[in-house]
Amino acid sequence: MLLIQCPYCGPRPELEFAYAGQAHVARPADPSATTPDQWTEFLYLRNNTRGIHAERWRHVRGCARFFNALRDTTTDHFLATYRAGEPMPVLPMGQKP
């Protein structure tokens, strides 16, 4: 079983977590001035990265908090987890999100 490091609770089994989409997607600053195409892009268009990807997760069966993770989508290996609102951690040389 895969263990995921919750930044609030520590390592827990993957069954306690739910994927919540791409991390660091900023909501438009002025929604009333946003065009329908911009809303479509904000709501539906996400990167489908092969390799290291910044993701948002929720510890559903634990603290219920959201957090961010850097995960390699080719190996399913979590490189780092960090609290929501914190900046993305710097990865070792040769690894890029």
N, C-alpha and C. Protein backbone atom coordinates (compact mmCIF):
# COMPACT_ATOMS: atom_id res chain seq x y z
N MET A 1 0.84 -1.18 0.00
CA MET A 1 0.00 0.00 0.00
C MET A 1 0.89 1.25 0.00
N LEU A 2 0.45 2.24 -0.72
CA LEU A 2 1.15 3.52 -0.81
C LEU A 2 0.88 4.36 0.43
N LEU A 3 1.93 4.92 1.00
CA LEU A 3 1.78 5.85 2.13
C LEU A 3 1.97 7.27 1.60
N ILE A 4 1.08 8.14 2.01
CA ILE A 4 1.16 9.55 1.63
C ILE A 4 1.43 10.36 2.89
N GLN A 5 2.39 11.26 2.80
CA GLN A 5 2.79 12.09 3.94
C GLN A 5 1.86 13.29 4.04
N CYS A 6 0.90 13.25 4.95
CA CYS A 6 0.05 14.41 5.19
C CYS A 6 0.88 15.43 5.97
N PRO A 7 0.97 16.68 5.52
CA PRO A 7 1.77 17.67 6.24
C PRO A 7 1.21 18.03 7.61
N TYR A 8 -0.01 17.59 7.90
CA TYR A 8 -0.63 17.87 9.19
C TYR A 8 -0.62 16.66 10.12
N CYS A 9 -0.77 15.46 9.56
CA CYS A 9 -0.94 14.23 10.37
C CYS A 9 0.20 13.23 10.27
N GLY A 10 1.09 13.40 9.29
CA GLY A 10 2.15 12.42 9.08
C GLY A 10 1.75 11.38 8.04
N PRO A 11 2.54 10.31 7.91
CA PRO A 11 2.26 9.30 6.88
C PRO A 11 0.99 8.50 7.17
N ARG A 12 0.18 8.37 6.13
CA ARG A 12 -1.08 7.63 6.24
C ARG A 12 -1.30 6.82 4.96
N PRO A 13 -2.11 5.76 5.01
CA PRO A 13 -2.37 4.97 3.80
C PRO A 13 -3.15 5.76 2.75
N GLU A 14 -2.89 5.46 1.51
CA GLU A 14 -3.51 6.19 0.39
C GLU A 14 -5.03 6.16 0.42
N LEU A 15 -5.63 5.16 1.02
CA LEU A 15 -7.08 5.06 1.07
C LEU A 15 -7.74 6.19 1.84
N GLU A 16 -6.97 6.92 2.64
CA GLU A 16 -7.51 8.03 3.43
C GLU A 16 -7.60 9.34 2.64
N PHE A 17 -7.06 9.35 1.42
CA PHE A 17 -6.92 10.59 0.67
C PHE A 17 -7.76 10.61 -0.59
N ALA A 18 -8.06 11.82 -1.06
CA ALA A 18 -8.77 12.02 -2.32
C ALA A 18 -8.02 13.07 -3.15
N TYR A 19 -7.83 12.77 -4.41
CA TYR A 19 -7.22 13.71 -5.34
C TYR A 19 -8.18 14.87 -5.57
N ALA A 20 -7.66 16.09 -5.59
CA ALA A 20 -8.53 17.27 -5.72
C ALA A 20 -8.11 18.18 -6.87
N GLY A 21 -7.35 17.67 -7.81
CA GLY A 21 -7.03 18.45 -9.00
C GLY A 21 -5.64 19.07 -8.98
N GLN A 22 -5.40 19.87 -9.98
CA GLN A 22 -4.11 20.54 -10.15
C GLN A 22 -3.94 21.63 -9.09
N ALA A 23 -2.77 21.73 -8.54
CA ALA A 23 -2.48 22.75 -7.53
C ALA A 23 -2.09 24.08 -8.19
N HIS A 24 -2.20 25.13 -7.42
CA HIS A 24 -1.76 26.47 -7.81
C HIS A 24 -2.52 27.03 -9.01
N VAL A 25 -3.82 26.77 -9.08
CA VAL A 25 -4.67 27.35 -10.13
C VAL A 25 -5.33 28.57 -9.51
N ALA A 26 -5.00 29.73 -10.03
CA ALA A 26 -5.49 30.99 -9.45
C ALA A 26 -6.85 31.37 -10.03
N ARG A 27 -7.76 31.73 -9.14
CA ARG A 27 -9.08 32.21 -9.55
C ARG A 27 -8.91 33.60 -10.17
N PRO A 28 -9.69 33.94 -11.20
CA PRO A 28 -9.59 35.27 -11.80
C PRO A 28 -9.80 36.37 -10.75
N ALA A 29 -8.99 37.41 -10.83
CA ALA A 29 -9.04 38.50 -9.84
C ALA A 29 -10.37 39.25 -9.88
N ASP A 30 -10.90 39.48 -11.06
CA ASP A 30 -12.16 40.21 -11.21
C ASP A 30 -13.14 39.34 -11.99
N PRO A 31 -13.93 38.51 -11.31
CA PRO A 31 -14.84 37.61 -12.01
C PRO A 31 -15.83 38.30 -12.94
N SER A 32 -16.27 39.51 -12.59
CA SER A 32 -17.24 40.20 -13.43
C SER A 32 -16.64 40.65 -14.77
N ALA A 33 -15.33 40.78 -14.84
CA ALA A 33 -14.68 41.20 -16.07
C ALA A 33 -14.14 40.02 -16.87
N THR A 34 -14.41 38.81 -16.41
CA THR A 34 -13.88 37.60 -17.06
C THR A 34 -14.81 37.17 -18.19
N THR A 35 -14.23 36.87 -19.34
CA THR A 35 -15.02 36.43 -20.49
C THR A 35 -15.42 34.96 -20.31
N PRO A 36 -16.42 34.51 -21.04
CA PRO A 36 -16.80 33.10 -20.97
C PRO A 36 -15.64 32.15 -21.31
N ASP A 37 -14.82 32.53 -22.27
CA ASP A 37 -13.66 31.69 -22.61
C ASP A 37 -12.66 31.61 -21.47
N GLN A 38 -12.46 32.73 -20.76
CA GLN A 38 -11.55 32.72 -19.61
C GLN A 38 -12.11 31.86 -18.48
N TRP A 39 -13.44 31.91 -18.26
CA TRP A 39 -14.06 31.06 -17.25
C TRP A 39 -13.92 29.59 -17.62
N THR A 40 -14.12 29.28 -18.88
CA THR A 40 -13.97 27.91 -19.35
C THR A 40 -12.56 27.41 -19.07
N GLU A 41 -11.58 28.25 -19.39
CA GLU A 41 -10.18 27.87 -19.13
C GLU A 41 -9.94 27.66 -17.65
N PHE A 42 -10.45 28.55 -16.81
CA PHE A 42 -10.26 28.43 -15.36
C PHE A 42 -10.93 27.17 -14.80
N LEU A 43 -12.14 26.90 -15.23
CA LEU A 43 -12.90 25.78 -14.67
C LEU A 43 -12.49 24.41 -15.18
N TYR A 44 -12.13 24.31 -16.46
CA TYR A 44 -12.00 22.99 -17.06
C TYR A 44 -10.62 22.63 -17.60
N LEU A 45 -9.83 23.59 -18.01
CA LEU A 45 -8.57 23.26 -18.66
C LEU A 45 -7.44 23.14 -17.64
N ARG A 46 -6.84 21.96 -17.60
CA ARG A 46 -5.73 21.69 -16.68
C ARG A 46 -4.59 21.04 -17.42
N ASN A 47 -3.40 21.16 -16.86
CA ASN A 47 -2.24 20.48 -17.43
C ASN A 47 -2.37 18.98 -17.19
N ASN A 48 -1.96 18.21 -18.15
CA ASN A 48 -1.93 16.76 -18.01
C ASN A 48 -0.48 16.33 -18.16
N THR A 49 0.29 16.66 -17.15
CA THR A 49 1.73 16.51 -17.20
C THR A 49 2.18 15.07 -17.06
N ARG A 50 3.12 14.67 -17.90
CA ARG A 50 3.79 13.39 -17.71
C ARG A 50 5.09 13.71 -16.98
N GLY A 51 5.22 13.19 -15.78
CA GLY A 51 6.39 13.51 -14.97
C GLY A 51 5.94 14.19 -13.69
N ILE A 52 6.71 15.14 -13.21
CA ILE A 52 6.43 15.79 -11.94
C ILE A 52 5.30 16.81 -12.11
N HIS A 53 4.30 16.68 -11.24
CA HIS A 53 3.09 17.48 -11.36
C HIS A 53 2.69 17.99 -9.97
N ALA A 54 2.33 19.27 -9.87
CA ALA A 54 1.84 19.84 -8.61
C ALA A 54 0.35 19.55 -8.51
N GLU A 55 -0.03 18.86 -7.45
CA GLU A 55 -1.41 18.42 -7.28
C GLU A 55 -1.97 18.88 -5.94
N ARG A 56 -3.28 18.93 -5.87
CA ARG A 56 -3.98 19.25 -4.63
C ARG A 56 -4.63 17.96 -4.13
N TRP A 57 -4.49 17.69 -2.85
CA TRP A 57 -5.06 16.49 -2.24
C TRP A 57 -5.82 16.87 -0.99
N ARG A 58 -6.73 15.98 -0.56
CA ARG A 58 -7.47 16.19 0.68
C ARG A 58 -7.39 14.94 1.52
N HIS A 59 -7.07 15.12 2.79
CA HIS A 59 -7.01 14.00 3.73
C HIS A 59 -8.43 13.75 4.25
N VAL A 60 -9.23 13.10 3.44
CA VAL A 60 -10.66 12.94 3.68
C VAL A 60 -10.94 12.17 4.97
N ARG A 61 -10.24 11.06 5.18
CA ARG A 61 -10.51 10.22 6.35
C ARG A 61 -9.50 10.47 7.47
N GLY A 62 -9.10 11.71 7.59
CA GLY A 62 -8.16 12.12 8.64
C GLY A 62 -8.52 13.51 9.10
N CYS A 63 -7.61 14.45 8.90
CA CYS A 63 -7.82 15.82 9.36
C CYS A 63 -8.78 16.61 8.46
N ALA A 64 -9.10 16.08 7.28
CA ALA A 64 -10.01 16.69 6.30
C ALA A 64 -9.45 17.95 5.67
N ARG A 65 -8.17 18.21 5.83
CA ARG A 65 -7.56 19.41 5.26
C ARG A 65 -7.03 19.16 3.85
N PHE A 66 -6.97 20.25 3.09
CA PHE A 66 -6.34 20.21 1.77
C PHE A 66 -4.85 20.48 1.92
N PHE A 67 -4.07 19.88 1.05
CA PHE A 67 -2.64 20.16 0.99
C PHE A 67 -2.18 19.94 -0.45
N ASN A 68 -0.97 20.37 -0.75
CA ASN A 68 -0.41 20.21 -2.08
C ASN A 68 0.68 19.15 -2.06
N ALA A 69 0.90 18.56 -3.22
CA ALA A 69 1.93 17.52 -3.34
C ALA A 69 2.60 17.63 -4.70
N LEU A 70 3.87 17.30 -4.74
CA LEU A 70 4.58 17.12 -6.00
C LEU A 70 4.69 15.62 -6.21
N ARG A 71 4.09 15.13 -7.31
CA ARG A 71 4.06 13.70 -7.57
C ARG A 71 4.53 13.43 -8.98
N ASP A 72 5.34 12.39 -9.14
CA ASP A 72 5.78 11.96 -10.46
C ASP A 72 4.69 11.05 -11.01
N THR A 73 4.02 11.47 -12.06
CA THR A 73 2.89 10.71 -12.59
C THR A 73 3.34 9.45 -13.33
N THR A 74 4.62 9.34 -13.67
CA THR A 74 5.09 8.13 -14.36
C THR A 74 5.40 7.01 -13.37
N THR A 75 5.72 7.36 -12.12
CA THR A 75 6.06 6.33 -11.13
C THR A 75 5.10 6.32 -9.94
N ASP A 76 4.23 7.31 -9.84
CA ASP A 76 3.30 7.47 -8.72
C ASP A 76 4.04 7.75 -7.41
N HIS A 77 5.26 8.27 -7.51
CA HIS A 77 6.08 8.57 -6.33
C HIS A 77 5.84 10.02 -5.91
N PHE A 78 5.54 10.22 -4.62
CA PHE A 78 5.38 11.56 -4.07
C PHE A 78 6.75 12.09 -3.70
N LEU A 79 7.14 13.22 -4.29
CA LEU A 79 8.44 13.83 -4.02
C LEU A 79 8.39 14.76 -2.82
N ALA A 80 7.25 15.41 -2.63
CA ALA A 80 7.09 16.34 -1.51
C ALA A 80 5.61 16.61 -1.28
N THR A 81 5.26 16.89 -0.04
CA THR A 81 3.93 17.39 0.30
C THR A 81 4.12 18.65 1.12
N TYR A 82 3.19 19.58 0.99
CA TYR A 82 3.30 20.84 1.71
C TYR A 82 1.91 21.42 1.91
N ARG A 83 1.78 22.23 2.93
CA ARG A 83 0.49 22.81 3.30
C ARG A 83 -0.03 23.77 2.24
N ALA A 84 -1.33 23.83 2.11
CA ALA A 84 -1.95 24.77 1.17
C ALA A 84 -1.56 26.19 1.58
N GLY A 85 -1.23 27.00 0.60
CA GLY A 85 -0.81 28.37 0.86
C GLY A 85 0.69 28.54 0.96
N GLU A 86 1.42 27.44 1.16
CA GLU A 86 2.88 27.52 1.19
C GLU A 86 3.42 27.48 -0.24
N PRO A 87 4.61 28.06 -0.47
CA PRO A 87 5.18 27.99 -1.81
C PRO A 87 5.63 26.57 -2.14
N MET A 88 5.70 26.29 -3.42
CA MET A 88 6.15 24.98 -3.89
C MET A 88 7.61 24.78 -3.47
N PRO A 89 7.95 23.61 -2.90
CA PRO A 89 9.33 23.39 -2.47
C PRO A 89 10.28 23.29 -3.68
N VAL A 90 11.52 23.62 -3.43
CA VAL A 90 12.55 23.51 -4.46
C VAL A 90 12.99 22.06 -4.54
N LEU A 91 13.02 21.53 -5.75
CA LEU A 91 13.42 20.14 -5.95
C LEU A 91 14.91 20.05 -6.20
N PRO A 92 15.51 18.88 -5.95
CA PRO A 92 16.93 18.68 -6.24
C PRO A 92 17.22 18.91 -7.72
N MET A 93 18.48 19.12 -8.03
CA MET A 93 18.93 19.37 -9.41
C MET A 93 18.39 18.29 -10.34
N GLY A 94 17.96 18.72 -11.51
CA GLY A 94 17.51 17.81 -12.53
C GLY A 94 16.04 17.46 -12.46
N GLN A 95 15.36 17.86 -11.39
CA GLN A 95 13.93 17.57 -11.27
C GLN A 95 13.17 18.90 -11.39
N LYS A 96 12.22 18.91 -12.32
CA LYS A 96 11.42 20.13 -12.53
C LYS A 96 9.94 19.78 -12.50
N PRO A 97 9.15 20.60 -11.79
CA PRO A 97 7.70 20.35 -11.81
C PRO A 97 7.06 20.81 -13.10
